[in-house]
Amino acid sequence: MAPQSSIVYLLLLSLVMACNAGGIAIYWGQNGNERTLEKTCAIGNYVFVNIAFLPVFGNGQTPVLNLAGHCDPSIKGCTGLSSDIKACEANLHWDDLARYLKGYSK
């Protein structure tokens, strides 16, 4: 008969193996040296790619998107990201924040 500690270990191991946390998420947009958004989505390492960051939002303020070295929404916009976003959507990555902000009211 196996020692009790071995049985407990096997039980815990089987629970961990059966558990699926749903994949890895990444925040994209703050490191100007990171891959493009399209490449980040295409490599398949991440289930969720969050486009971040919003340093200003809420309390009637217009949301401000900060994408570090990638683009500056306040000057030229980020139209160059539109093809990257479309490529990510093809991989079933959804930008919930953008959908939420569409309904954002001041």
N, C-alpha and C. Protein backbone atom coordinates (compact mmCIF):
# COMPACT_ATOMS: atom_id res chain seq x y z
N MET A 1 0.84 -1.18 0.00
CA MET A 1 0.00 0.00 0.00
C MET A 1 0.89 1.25 0.00
N ALA A 2 0.49 2.22 -0.82
CA ALA A 2 1.27 3.46 -0.94
C ALA A 2 1.12 4.29 0.32
N PRO A 3 2.18 4.97 0.70
CA PRO A 3 2.07 5.85 1.86
C PRO A 3 1.01 6.93 1.62
N GLN A 4 0.44 7.40 2.70
CA GLN A 4 -0.64 8.40 2.61
C GLN A 4 -0.17 9.67 1.90
N SER A 5 1.06 10.09 2.12
CA SER A 5 1.56 11.30 1.47
C SER A 5 1.61 11.14 -0.05
N SER A 6 1.92 9.94 -0.54
CA SER A 6 1.95 9.69 -1.98
C SER A 6 0.55 9.78 -2.58
N ILE A 7 -0.43 9.30 -1.87
CA ILE A 7 -1.81 9.36 -2.35
C ILE A 7 -2.27 10.81 -2.42
N VAL A 8 -1.96 11.57 -1.39
CA VAL A 8 -2.33 12.99 -1.37
C VAL A 8 -1.63 13.72 -2.53
N TYR A 9 -0.36 13.42 -2.73
CA TYR A 9 0.39 14.05 -3.83
C TYR A 9 -0.25 13.72 -5.18
N LEU A 10 -0.59 12.46 -5.41
CA LEU A 10 -1.21 12.07 -6.68
C LEU A 10 -2.57 12.72 -6.86
N LEU A 11 -3.32 12.85 -5.78
CA LEU A 11 -4.63 13.50 -5.85
C LEU A 11 -4.47 14.97 -6.23
N LEU A 12 -3.55 15.66 -5.58
CA LEU A 12 -3.30 17.07 -5.91
C LEU A 12 -2.79 17.23 -7.34
N LEU A 13 -1.91 16.34 -7.75
CA LEU A 13 -1.38 16.40 -9.11
C LEU A 13 -2.49 16.21 -10.14
N SER A 14 -3.40 15.29 -9.88
CA SER A 14 -4.51 15.06 -10.82
C SER A 14 -5.43 16.27 -10.88
N LEU A 15 -5.62 16.96 -9.76
CA LEU A 15 -6.45 18.17 -9.76
C LEU A 15 -5.80 19.29 -10.56
N VAL A 16 -4.49 19.43 -10.40
CA VAL A 16 -3.77 20.47 -11.13
C VAL A 16 -3.79 20.17 -12.63
N MET A 17 -3.61 18.92 -12.99
CA MET A 17 -3.60 18.55 -14.41
C MET A 17 -4.97 18.78 -15.04
N ALA A 18 -6.04 18.60 -14.29
CA ALA A 18 -7.39 18.78 -14.81
C ALA A 18 -7.79 20.24 -14.88
N CYS A 19 -7.07 21.09 -14.18
CA CYS A 19 -7.39 22.51 -14.12
C CYS A 19 -6.84 23.23 -15.34
N ASN A 20 -7.67 24.07 -15.94
CA ASN A 20 -7.22 24.89 -17.07
C ASN A 20 -7.51 26.33 -16.72
N ALA A 21 -6.48 27.13 -16.58
CA ALA A 21 -6.65 28.52 -16.17
C ALA A 21 -7.13 29.41 -17.31
N GLY A 22 -7.18 28.89 -18.52
CA GLY A 22 -7.70 29.68 -19.63
C GLY A 22 -6.64 30.35 -20.48
N GLY A 23 -5.39 30.16 -20.19
CA GLY A 23 -4.35 30.71 -21.04
C GLY A 23 -3.67 31.93 -20.46
N ILE A 24 -2.69 32.42 -21.20
CA ILE A 24 -1.86 33.53 -20.76
C ILE A 24 -2.36 34.83 -21.37
N ALA A 25 -2.35 35.88 -20.58
CA ALA A 25 -2.71 37.22 -21.06
C ALA A 25 -1.47 38.10 -21.03
N ILE A 26 -1.43 39.09 -21.92
CA ILE A 26 -0.32 40.03 -21.96
C ILE A 26 -0.87 41.44 -22.15
N TYR A 27 -0.21 42.39 -21.54
CA TYR A 27 -0.53 43.80 -21.78
C TYR A 27 0.44 44.30 -22.84
N TRP A 28 -0.09 44.79 -23.94
CA TRP A 28 0.73 45.27 -25.04
C TRP A 28 0.61 46.79 -25.13
N GLY A 29 1.73 47.45 -25.39
CA GLY A 29 1.65 48.87 -25.67
C GLY A 29 2.56 49.77 -24.87
N GLN A 30 3.22 49.29 -23.84
CA GLN A 30 4.05 50.18 -23.04
C GLN A 30 5.53 50.06 -23.32
N ASN A 31 5.94 49.07 -24.04
CA ASN A 31 7.35 48.89 -24.33
C ASN A 31 7.58 49.13 -25.81
N GLY A 32 8.21 50.21 -26.16
CA GLY A 32 8.46 50.53 -27.55
C GLY A 32 9.33 49.52 -28.27
N ASN A 33 10.02 48.65 -27.52
CA ASN A 33 10.89 47.63 -28.12
C ASN A 33 10.21 46.28 -28.27
N GLU A 34 8.93 46.18 -27.89
CA GLU A 34 8.25 44.90 -28.01
C GLU A 34 7.85 44.66 -29.47
N ARG A 35 7.39 43.44 -29.76
CA ARG A 35 6.93 43.12 -31.11
C ARG A 35 5.76 44.01 -31.49
N THR A 36 5.45 44.02 -32.78
CA THR A 36 4.24 44.72 -33.20
C THR A 36 3.04 43.98 -32.62
N LEU A 37 1.91 44.65 -32.60
CA LEU A 37 0.69 44.03 -32.10
C LEU A 37 0.34 42.81 -32.94
N GLU A 38 0.47 42.92 -34.26
CA GLU A 38 0.16 41.79 -35.14
C GLU A 38 1.02 40.58 -34.82
N LYS A 39 2.33 40.78 -34.65
CA LYS A 39 3.23 39.67 -34.34
C LYS A 39 2.94 39.09 -32.96
N THR A 40 2.61 39.95 -32.01
CA THR A 40 2.28 39.48 -30.66
C THR A 40 1.09 38.54 -30.71
N CYS A 41 0.09 38.89 -31.49
CA CYS A 41 -1.09 38.02 -31.63
C CYS A 41 -0.77 36.76 -32.41
N ALA A 42 0.05 36.89 -33.46
CA ALA A 42 0.31 35.78 -34.38
C ALA A 42 1.16 34.67 -33.77
N ILE A 43 2.02 34.97 -32.81
CA ILE A 43 2.91 33.92 -32.30
C ILE A 43 2.16 32.84 -31.53
N GLY A 44 0.96 33.16 -31.08
CA GLY A 44 0.13 32.14 -30.43
C GLY A 44 0.46 31.84 -28.98
N ASN A 45 1.31 32.62 -28.36
CA ASN A 45 1.65 32.39 -26.95
C ASN A 45 0.58 32.90 -26.00
N TYR A 46 -0.28 33.79 -26.47
CA TYR A 46 -1.21 34.48 -25.59
C TYR A 46 -2.65 34.25 -26.03
N VAL A 47 -3.50 33.98 -25.06
CA VAL A 47 -4.93 33.85 -25.34
C VAL A 47 -5.57 35.23 -25.36
N PHE A 48 -5.08 36.11 -24.51
CA PHE A 48 -5.61 37.47 -24.41
C PHE A 48 -4.49 38.48 -24.61
N VAL A 49 -4.70 39.43 -25.52
CA VAL A 49 -3.75 40.52 -25.72
C VAL A 49 -4.49 41.80 -25.39
N ASN A 50 -4.16 42.39 -24.25
CA ASN A 50 -4.79 43.63 -23.81
C ASN A 50 -4.00 44.82 -24.31
N ILE A 51 -4.69 45.70 -25.04
CA ILE A 51 -4.04 46.92 -25.51
C ILE A 51 -4.17 47.93 -24.37
N ALA A 52 -3.04 48.36 -23.86
CA ALA A 52 -3.07 49.20 -22.67
C ALA A 52 -2.17 50.40 -22.92
N PHE A 53 -2.31 51.44 -22.30
CA PHE A 53 -2.84 51.78 -20.99
C PHE A 53 -3.66 53.05 -21.07
N LEU A 54 -4.59 53.20 -20.15
CA LEU A 54 -5.42 54.40 -20.05
C LEU A 54 -5.03 55.16 -18.79
N PRO A 55 -4.11 56.11 -18.89
CA PRO A 55 -3.71 56.85 -17.70
C PRO A 55 -4.76 57.87 -17.26
N VAL A 56 -5.67 58.26 -18.17
CA VAL A 56 -6.72 59.21 -17.84
C VAL A 56 -8.06 58.63 -18.28
N PHE A 57 -9.01 58.52 -17.35
CA PHE A 57 -10.36 58.05 -17.68
C PHE A 57 -11.27 58.32 -16.49
N GLY A 58 -12.58 58.27 -16.73
CA GLY A 58 -13.55 58.43 -15.66
C GLY A 58 -13.74 59.88 -15.23
N ASN A 59 -14.71 60.09 -14.37
CA ASN A 59 -15.02 61.42 -13.83
C ASN A 59 -15.24 62.47 -14.92
N GLY A 60 -15.86 62.08 -16.02
CA GLY A 60 -16.16 63.02 -17.09
C GLY A 60 -14.99 63.36 -17.99
N GLN A 61 -13.84 62.75 -17.76
CA GLN A 61 -12.66 63.04 -18.57
C GLN A 61 -12.68 62.22 -19.87
N THR A 62 -12.13 62.78 -20.92
CA THR A 62 -11.96 62.02 -22.15
C THR A 62 -10.84 61.02 -21.93
N PRO A 63 -11.08 59.73 -22.22
CA PRO A 63 -10.02 58.73 -22.03
C PRO A 63 -8.79 59.05 -22.89
N VAL A 64 -7.61 58.84 -22.33
CA VAL A 64 -6.35 59.07 -23.03
C VAL A 64 -5.61 57.73 -23.10
N LEU A 65 -5.32 57.30 -24.31
CA LEU A 65 -4.60 56.05 -24.53
C LEU A 65 -3.11 56.34 -24.64
N ASN A 66 -2.28 55.60 -23.89
CA ASN A 66 -0.83 55.77 -23.91
C ASN A 66 -0.23 54.47 -24.43
N LEU A 67 0.33 54.53 -25.63
CA LEU A 67 0.97 53.35 -26.22
C LEU A 67 2.48 53.55 -26.37
N ALA A 68 3.06 54.28 -25.46
CA ALA A 68 4.52 54.50 -25.38
C ALA A 68 5.11 54.80 -26.74
N GLY A 69 6.06 54.02 -27.20
CA GLY A 69 6.76 54.29 -28.45
C GLY A 69 6.05 53.83 -29.70
N HIS A 70 4.88 53.22 -29.58
CA HIS A 70 4.20 52.69 -30.77
C HIS A 70 3.52 53.78 -31.59
N CYS A 71 2.79 54.65 -30.94
CA CYS A 71 2.11 55.75 -31.62
C CYS A 71 1.60 56.72 -30.56
N ASP A 72 1.24 57.91 -31.00
CA ASP A 72 0.71 58.92 -30.08
C ASP A 72 -0.69 59.32 -30.56
N PRO A 73 -1.72 58.80 -29.90
CA PRO A 73 -3.10 59.09 -30.33
C PRO A 73 -3.43 60.57 -30.35
N SER A 74 -2.78 61.37 -29.51
CA SER A 74 -3.13 62.79 -29.42
C SER A 74 -2.53 63.62 -30.56
N ILE A 75 -1.51 63.12 -31.22
CA ILE A 75 -0.85 63.89 -32.28
C ILE A 75 -1.28 63.39 -33.67
N LYS A 76 -0.84 62.21 -34.04
CA LYS A 76 -1.15 61.69 -35.37
C LYS A 76 -2.16 60.56 -35.33
N GLY A 77 -2.60 60.21 -34.16
CA GLY A 77 -3.50 59.07 -34.06
C GLY A 77 -2.72 57.77 -34.16
N CYS A 78 -3.45 56.69 -34.16
CA CYS A 78 -2.83 55.37 -34.23
C CYS A 78 -3.41 54.56 -35.38
N THR A 79 -3.64 55.23 -36.50
CA THR A 79 -4.25 54.54 -37.64
C THR A 79 -3.39 53.40 -38.14
N GLY A 80 -2.09 53.46 -37.91
CA GLY A 80 -1.20 52.38 -38.31
C GLY A 80 -1.48 51.08 -37.60
N LEU A 81 -2.16 51.14 -36.48
CA LEU A 81 -2.47 49.92 -35.73
C LEU A 81 -3.72 49.21 -36.25
N SER A 82 -4.47 49.84 -37.13
CA SER A 82 -5.74 49.24 -37.55
C SER A 82 -5.53 47.90 -38.23
N SER A 83 -4.50 47.75 -39.07
CA SER A 83 -4.26 46.46 -39.71
C SER A 83 -3.80 45.42 -38.69
N ASP A 84 -3.03 45.85 -37.69
CA ASP A 84 -2.61 44.93 -36.62
C ASP A 84 -3.81 44.44 -35.83
N ILE A 85 -4.72 45.35 -35.52
CA ILE A 85 -5.91 44.98 -34.75
C ILE A 85 -6.76 44.01 -35.56
N LYS A 86 -6.91 44.26 -36.86
CA LYS A 86 -7.68 43.35 -37.72
C LYS A 86 -7.03 41.97 -37.75
N ALA A 87 -5.70 41.93 -37.81
CA ALA A 87 -5.00 40.64 -37.80
C ALA A 87 -5.23 39.92 -36.48
N CYS A 88 -5.24 40.65 -35.38
CA CYS A 88 -5.50 40.03 -34.08
C CYS A 88 -6.93 39.52 -34.00
N GLU A 89 -7.88 40.27 -34.54
CA GLU A 89 -9.27 39.83 -34.53
C GLU A 89 -9.43 38.55 -35.32
N ALA A 90 -8.63 38.37 -36.36
CA ALA A 90 -8.70 37.14 -37.15
C ALA A 90 -8.30 35.94 -36.29
N ASN A 91 -7.50 36.18 -35.26
CA ASN A 91 -7.10 35.12 -34.33
C ASN A 91 -8.04 35.05 -33.13
N LEU A 92 -9.19 35.67 -33.24
CA LEU A 92 -10.21 35.68 -32.20
C LEU A 92 -9.76 36.37 -30.92
N HIS A 93 -8.89 37.36 -31.04
CA HIS A 93 -8.55 38.21 -29.90
C HIS A 93 -9.50 39.39 -29.95
N TRP A 94 -10.22 39.61 -28.89
CA TRP A 94 -11.21 40.69 -28.87
C TRP A 94 -10.75 41.79 -27.94
N ASP A 95 -11.01 43.01 -28.32
CA ASP A 95 -10.63 44.14 -27.49
C ASP A 95 -11.86 44.61 -26.72
N ASP A 96 -12.09 43.99 -25.57
CA ASP A 96 -13.25 44.32 -24.74
C ASP A 96 -13.22 45.76 -24.26
N LEU A 97 -12.04 46.28 -24.01
CA LEU A 97 -11.94 47.66 -23.53
C LEU A 97 -12.48 48.63 -24.58
N ALA A 98 -12.14 48.43 -25.83
CA ALA A 98 -12.63 49.33 -26.88
C ALA A 98 -14.15 49.24 -27.00
N ARG A 99 -14.69 48.03 -26.90
CA ARG A 99 -16.15 47.89 -26.97
C ARG A 99 -16.79 48.57 -25.78
N TYR A 100 -16.19 48.46 -24.62
CA TYR A 100 -16.72 49.11 -23.43
C TYR A 100 -16.68 50.62 -23.58
N LEU A 101 -15.56 51.13 -24.07
CA LEU A 101 -15.41 52.58 -24.19
C LEU A 101 -16.32 53.18 -25.26
N LYS A 102 -16.76 52.37 -26.22
CA LYS A 102 -17.70 52.88 -27.22
C LYS A 102 -18.96 53.38 -26.53
N GLY A 103 -19.35 52.72 -25.45
CA GLY A 103 -20.54 53.12 -24.71
C GLY A 103 -20.24 54.09 -23.59
N TYR A 104 -18.98 54.52 -23.48
CA TYR A 104 -18.55 55.42 -22.41
C TYR A 104 -19.17 56.80 -22.62
N SER A 105 -19.75 57.33 -21.57
CA SER A 105 -20.31 58.68 -21.67
C SER A 105 -19.67 59.58 -20.63
N LYS A 106 -19.54 60.83 -20.96
CA LYS A 106 -18.89 61.79 -20.06
C LYS A 106 -19.83 62.23 -18.97
